[in-house]
Protein backbone atom coordinates (compact mmCIF):
# COMPACT_ATOMS: atom_id res chain seq x y z
CA MET A 1 -23.23 -9.01 34.21
CA ASN A 2 -20.55 -7.55 35.03
CA THR A 3 -19.11 -5.34 31.52
CA GLU A 4 -15.90 -3.74 33.89
CA THR A 5 -11.82 -4.49 32.13
CA ILE A 6 -10.40 -6.53 35.12
CA THR A 7 -7.01 -4.11 34.64
CA PRO A 8 -3.40 -4.96 37.17
CA THR A 9 -4.17 -4.14 40.44
CA THR A 10 -0.77 -5.20 42.52
CA ALA A 11 2.38 -2.99 40.99
CA ARG A 12 4.11 -6.67 39.77
CA GLU A 13 0.77 -6.92 37.92
CA ARG A 14 0.88 -3.93 36.55
CA GLU A 15 5.03 -4.10 35.56
CA ALA A 16 3.99 -8.05 33.91
CA ALA A 17 1.09 -6.33 32.00
CA ALA A 18 3.46 -3.99 29.99
CA ALA A 19 6.57 -6.48 29.96
CA ASN A 20 3.60 -8.83 28.15
CA ALA A 21 2.70 -6.20 25.62
CA VAL A 22 6.10 -5.38 24.72
CA GLU A 23 7.33 -8.64 24.24
CA LYS A 24 4.49 -9.58 21.94
CA PRO A 25 3.88 -6.88 19.04
CA VAL A 26 0.89 -7.34 17.79
CA ARG A 27 -0.12 -8.61 14.02
CA ASP A 28 -3.82 -7.96 12.90
CA HIS A 29 -3.53 -8.25 9.49
CA THR A 30 -1.16 -10.20 6.06
CA LEU A 31 -0.86 -7.78 2.90
CA ALA A 32 1.16 -8.66 -0.44
CA LEU A 33 2.26 -6.06 -2.18
CA THR A 34 2.43 -5.89 -6.18
CA LEU A 35 5.64 -4.81 -6.89
CA SER A 36 6.81 -3.85 -10.58
CA TYR A 37 10.51 -1.52 -11.00
CA ASN A 38 12.92 -0.66 -13.19
CA GLY A 39 16.54 -2.21 -11.65
CA ALA A 40 19.39 0.20 -13.46
CA PRO A 41 19.02 2.01 -9.65
CA PHE A 42 19.36 -0.57 -7.42
CA SER A 43 21.69 -2.60 -5.73
CA GLY A 44 19.13 -6.04 -6.23
CA PHE A 45 16.36 -6.15 -3.47
CA ALA A 46 17.92 -6.85 -0.55
CA ARG A 47 18.95 -4.28 1.79
CA GLN A 48 22.09 -3.58 2.10
CA PRO A 49 23.54 -0.67 4.36
CA GLY A 50 25.01 2.32 2.77
CA GLN A 51 23.67 0.69 -1.25
CA THR A 52 20.34 1.35 -2.66
CA THR A 53 18.05 -1.15 -2.77
CA VAL A 54 14.08 -1.83 -3.32
CA GLN A 55 13.68 -4.05 -0.33
CA GLY A 56 15.60 -0.55 1.35
CA ASP A 57 13.94 1.87 0.39
CA LEU A 58 9.81 0.15 0.18
CA GLU A 59 10.90 -0.02 4.11
CA ASP A 60 11.68 3.02 4.41
CA ALA A 61 8.55 4.48 2.90
CA LEU A 62 6.72 2.07 4.95
CA ARG A 63 8.61 2.61 7.74
CA LEU A 64 7.68 6.71 7.38
CA LEU A 65 3.83 5.21 6.54
CA PHE A 66 3.06 3.06 9.38
CA ARG A 67 5.52 5.47 11.49
CA ARG A 68 7.42 2.09 12.78
CA ASP A 69 9.76 -0.68 11.49
CA VAL A 70 8.05 -3.06 9.27
CA GLU A 71 9.94 -6.27 7.86
CA THR A 72 8.86 -7.54 4.47
CA THR A 73 9.53 -10.99 2.35
CA CYS A 74 9.83 -10.74 -0.83
CA ALA A 75 9.04 -13.56 -3.35
CA GLY A 76 11.98 -13.39 -4.99
CA ARG A 77 15.63 -11.76 -4.41
CA THR A 78 16.63 -10.32 -7.80
CA ASP A 79 20.47 -8.94 -8.33
CA ALA A 80 21.31 -6.14 -8.73
CA GLY A 81 19.97 -4.30 -12.54
CA VAL A 82 17.31 -6.82 -12.94
CA HIS A 83 14.03 -5.73 -13.16
CA ALA A 84 10.28 -6.64 -12.01
CA LEU A 85 7.24 -6.55 -13.50
CA GLY A 86 5.44 -8.92 -11.13
CA GLN A 87 8.00 -8.99 -7.64
CA VAL A 88 5.39 -10.21 -4.65
CA VAL A 89 6.32 -8.60 -0.78
CA SER A 90 4.39 -9.21 2.06
CA PHE A 91 4.89 -7.89 6.05
CA ASP A 92 2.33 -8.17 8.78
CA VAL A 93 0.82 -4.70 10.41
CA ASN A 94 -2.38 -4.23 12.58
CA ASP A 95 -5.88 -3.00 13.42
CA LEU A 96 -3.46 0.90 14.32
CA ASP A 97 -1.55 0.82 11.02
CA ILE A 98 -4.39 0.65 8.33
CA ALA A 99 -6.84 2.24 10.41
CA GLY A 100 -8.58 4.34 8.25
CA ARG A 101 -7.04 3.92 5.00
CA SER A 102 -8.04 1.90 2.02
CA LEU A 103 -6.27 -0.63 0.10
CA PRO A 104 -6.16 1.69 -2.73
CA SER A 105 -5.31 5.04 -0.49
CA LEU A 106 -2.15 2.80 1.18
CA ARG A 107 -1.29 1.76 -2.40
CA ARG A 108 -1.50 5.49 -3.74
CA SER A 109 0.20 6.75 -0.18
CA LEU A 110 3.64 4.50 -1.39
CA ASN A 111 4.17 4.68 -4.88
CA ALA A 112 3.94 8.55 -3.32
CA LEU A 113 6.80 7.86 -1.10
CA THR A 114 8.82 4.98 -2.77
CA HIS A 115 11.55 5.65 -5.58
CA ASP A 116 10.59 6.92 -9.16
CA ALA A 117 11.70 2.86 -11.15
CA ILE A 118 9.37 1.50 -8.80
CA THR A 119 5.21 0.67 -8.82
CA VAL A 120 3.26 -0.75 -6.10
CA ARG A 121 0.65 -2.01 -8.42
CA GLU A 122 -1.66 -4.08 -6.14
CA VAL A 123 -1.94 -4.46 -2.29
CA GLU A 124 -4.46 -7.18 -1.06
CA PRO A 125 -4.82 -8.43 2.02
CA LYS A 126 -3.74 -11.86 2.93
CA LYS A 127 -4.30 -14.67 5.95
CA LEU A 128 -2.06 -13.81 8.86
CA GLY A 129 0.60 -15.41 8.31
CA PHE A 130 1.07 -15.72 4.60
CA SER A 131 4.71 -15.30 3.16
CA ALA A 132 5.97 -13.76 -0.37
CA ARG A 133 8.52 -16.60 -0.24
CA PHE A 134 7.15 -20.04 1.32
CA ASP A 135 3.34 -20.07 -0.11
CA ALA A 136 5.42 -19.44 -3.88
CA GLN A 137 4.54 -22.59 -6.13
CA ALA A 138 6.81 -21.12 -8.86
CA ARG A 139 8.75 -18.19 -10.52
CA GLU A 140 7.83 -17.05 -13.75
CA TYR A 141 11.04 -14.90 -15.25
CA HIS A 142 11.61 -13.75 -18.90
CA TYR A 143 15.19 -12.89 -20.46
CA HIS A 144 15.19 -10.62 -23.53
CA LEU A 145 18.12 -11.45 -26.00
CA CYS A 146 17.99 -8.53 -29.08
CA VAL A 147 18.43 -10.64 -32.11
CA ASP A 148 18.54 -7.96 -34.99
CA SER A 149 21.60 -6.76 -37.21
CA THR A 150 21.71 -3.20 -35.25
CA SER A 151 22.12 -2.20 -32.09
CA PRO A 152 18.70 -1.57 -30.23
CA ILE A 153 17.70 2.38 -28.64
CA PHE A 154 14.57 1.89 -27.57
CA MET A 155 15.31 -2.35 -25.57
CA LYS A 156 18.94 -1.23 -25.00
CA ASP A 157 18.29 -0.97 -21.28
CA PHE A 158 16.76 -3.97 -21.48
CA SER A 159 17.52 -6.90 -23.02
CA TRP A 160 21.04 -8.55 -24.55
CA PHE A 161 21.84 -7.19 -27.57
CA VAL A 162 23.57 -10.17 -29.47
CA PRO A 163 23.78 -10.33 -33.19
CA GLY A 164 24.72 -12.46 -35.89
CA GLY A 165 21.78 -14.44 -35.15
CA LEU A 166 20.88 -18.07 -33.10
CA ASP A 167 20.01 -20.95 -34.10
CA LEU A 168 16.65 -21.51 -32.26
CA THR A 169 16.33 -25.56 -33.06
CA ALA A 170 19.94 -26.29 -31.51
CA MET A 171 19.12 -23.97 -28.16
CA GLU A 172 15.57 -25.44 -27.72
CA ALA A 173 16.75 -29.36 -27.79
CA GLY A 174 19.82 -27.48 -25.00
CA ALA A 175 17.24 -26.52 -22.70
CA GLN A 176 15.62 -29.98 -23.18
CA HIS A 177 18.09 -31.10 -20.83
CA LEU A 178 17.52 -28.89 -18.14
CA LEU A 179 13.87 -29.10 -17.31
CA GLY A 180 12.88 -31.64 -14.09
CA GLU A 181 14.37 -31.81 -11.05
CA HIS A 182 17.84 -31.75 -10.75
CA ASP A 183 20.90 -30.03 -9.04
CA PHE A 184 21.20 -26.85 -11.09
CA LYS A 185 25.60 -26.10 -9.32
CA SER A 186 26.58 -25.63 -12.11
CA PHE A 187 24.15 -23.11 -12.76
CA CYS A 188 24.66 -20.90 -10.33
CA MET A 189 27.35 -18.37 -8.30
CA ALA A 190 29.85 -20.84 -6.79
CA ALA A 191 30.37 -18.92 -3.62
CA SER A 192 26.39 -19.07 -3.00
CA ALA A 193 26.47 -23.45 -3.73
CA GLU A 194 28.77 -23.61 -0.61
CA GLY A 195 26.94 -25.70 2.22
CA LYS A 196 23.31 -24.60 0.36
CA PRO A 197 20.70 -26.88 -0.78
CA THR A 198 21.13 -26.50 -5.20
CA HIS A 199 19.04 -28.75 -6.01
CA ARG A 200 15.06 -27.40 -7.89
CA ASN A 201 13.09 -28.19 -10.00
CA VAL A 202 12.89 -25.95 -13.76
CA ARG A 203 8.60 -26.79 -15.44
CA GLU A 204 9.65 -24.74 -18.36
CA ILE A 205 12.58 -23.42 -20.66
CA SER A 206 10.03 -21.47 -24.25
CA PHE A 207 10.92 -19.27 -26.76
CA HIS A 208 9.30 -16.17 -28.44
CA PRO A 209 10.01 -13.89 -30.87
CA GLU A 210 8.41 -10.28 -30.12
CA THR A 211 8.27 -7.17 -31.57
CA VAL A 212 8.71 -4.45 -29.32
CA MET A 213 8.44 -0.47 -31.24
CA GLY A 214 10.64 -2.36 -34.50
CA GLU A 215 13.35 -3.97 -32.66
CA ASN A 216 13.33 -7.64 -32.36
CA LEU A 217 13.63 -9.88 -29.79
CA MET A 218 13.15 -12.85 -28.31
CA SER A 219 11.77 -13.89 -25.48
CA ILE A 220 13.50 -16.46 -23.02
CA LYS A 221 10.50 -17.58 -20.40
CA VAL A 222 12.01 -19.66 -17.75
CA VAL A 223 9.84 -20.97 -14.95
CA GLY A 224 10.50 -23.12 -11.67
CA ASN A 225 10.19 -23.82 -8.63
CA ALA A 226 12.17 -21.78 -7.33
CA PHE A 227 16.37 -20.46 -7.90
CA LEU A 228 19.56 -20.56 -7.70
CA HIS A 229 21.54 -17.12 -6.97
CA SER A 230 22.78 -15.80 -10.88
CA MET A 231 20.67 -19.34 -12.19
CA VAL A 232 18.39 -17.89 -14.64
CA ARG A 233 21.24 -15.87 -15.98
CA THR A 234 23.25 -18.80 -16.93
CA ILE A 235 21.36 -20.45 -18.27
CA VAL A 236 20.70 -18.03 -20.19
CA GLY A 237 23.95 -17.03 -20.85
CA THR A 238 25.08 -21.44 -21.68
CA LEU A 239 22.13 -21.61 -23.70
CA VAL A 240 22.79 -18.27 -26.07
CA MET A 241 26.65 -20.08 -26.97
CA VAL A 242 24.64 -23.40 -28.16
CA GLY A 243 22.58 -21.08 -29.64
CA LYS A 244 25.69 -19.46 -31.85
CA GLY A 245 27.44 -22.75 -32.70
CA GLN A 246 30.11 -22.25 -30.21
CA ARG A 247 28.91 -26.27 -28.73
CA ASP A 248 27.04 -27.87 -29.05
CA ALA A 249 22.86 -28.67 -27.54
CA ASP A 250 24.16 -31.99 -26.17
CA TRP A 251 27.01 -30.51 -23.95
CA VAL A 252 23.75 -28.65 -21.87
CA GLY A 253 23.66 -31.54 -20.21
CA GLU A 254 27.63 -31.78 -19.34
CA VAL A 255 27.39 -29.52 -18.19
CA LEU A 256 24.54 -29.15 -15.91
CA GLU A 257 26.26 -33.32 -15.23
CA ALA A 258 29.45 -31.64 -13.49
CA CYS A 259 27.71 -29.52 -11.12
CA ASP A 260 30.95 -27.36 -11.88
CA ARG A 261 30.44 -23.50 -12.62
CA ARG A 262 33.22 -23.25 -14.26
CA VAL A 263 32.58 -25.46 -16.95
CA ALA A 264 28.96 -23.25 -17.31
CA GLY A 265 28.34 -19.99 -20.06
CA GLU A 266 28.50 -16.82 -18.93
CA ASN A 267 26.61 -15.45 -17.01
CA ALA A 268 24.04 -12.97 -19.09
CA PRO A 269 23.79 -9.13 -18.50
CA ALA A 270 21.87 -8.15 -15.72
CA GLN A 271 19.33 -5.86 -18.71
CA GLY A 272 18.22 -8.58 -19.70
CA LEU A 273 16.32 -10.10 -17.42
CA VAL A 274 12.43 -9.61 -15.86
CA PHE A 275 11.10 -11.40 -12.54
CA TRP A 276 7.50 -11.38 -13.89
CA ARG A 277 5.53 -12.99 -12.09
CA VAL A 278 4.85 -15.36 -9.08
CA ILE A 279 2.39 -18.56 -9.10
CA TYR A 280 0.79 -19.46 -5.50
């Protein structure tokens, strides 16, 4: 059997082969990173010119590691100041990128190269073409309210201080209006909703008392297939108005039906929100 490599023999064939190599970058593997980050130093997840962002910092680290540009896809773009415990990011690599590198060594290298406020918790191989965004079935967020009579010390940068007590029963009743598939146009930034679909399916809104380092918190868990810009923070701000007795529980349903951001509550502050996990 002839085992010699067949190579282009004419100048035209060589030029065509070279062009083909440039036009078709090699994609041998897809990797997924699970990230945690403190959102305070960042202007959100998505890369922005002249701004410090999670994606920008991560892609800069990948460029140093692989000596080429790497395009990443995330499960959900967090706003400025929003934290993450289980953000997932996917990207493609080739055999040369990962030659001689184990997954634990990749994780250690990325943790050495990224911002101190970012931790790469896990590096996983996925099927080629896996998308952290489009393969996700649901996203889970937790929002932390500090419900003590005095402002928090330890959780100050990770909660919204709401003194005076909250009517949890009323908040739970208000949350019932938001469960299921609805048009959530009232609960997202108005400019981001123009010309885009605003229907989402909220699977769960639940309330969980917690104590962290002696400080009393109320964690609001929100699970849905996907979320609009500032949607979770607007839901929380609206439910807090109900909890304070400023509005009744049925008002939440009226806000939903209005499809008008101006009738909903204020956005809860960014520092209380954590992108908790992604469900695949």
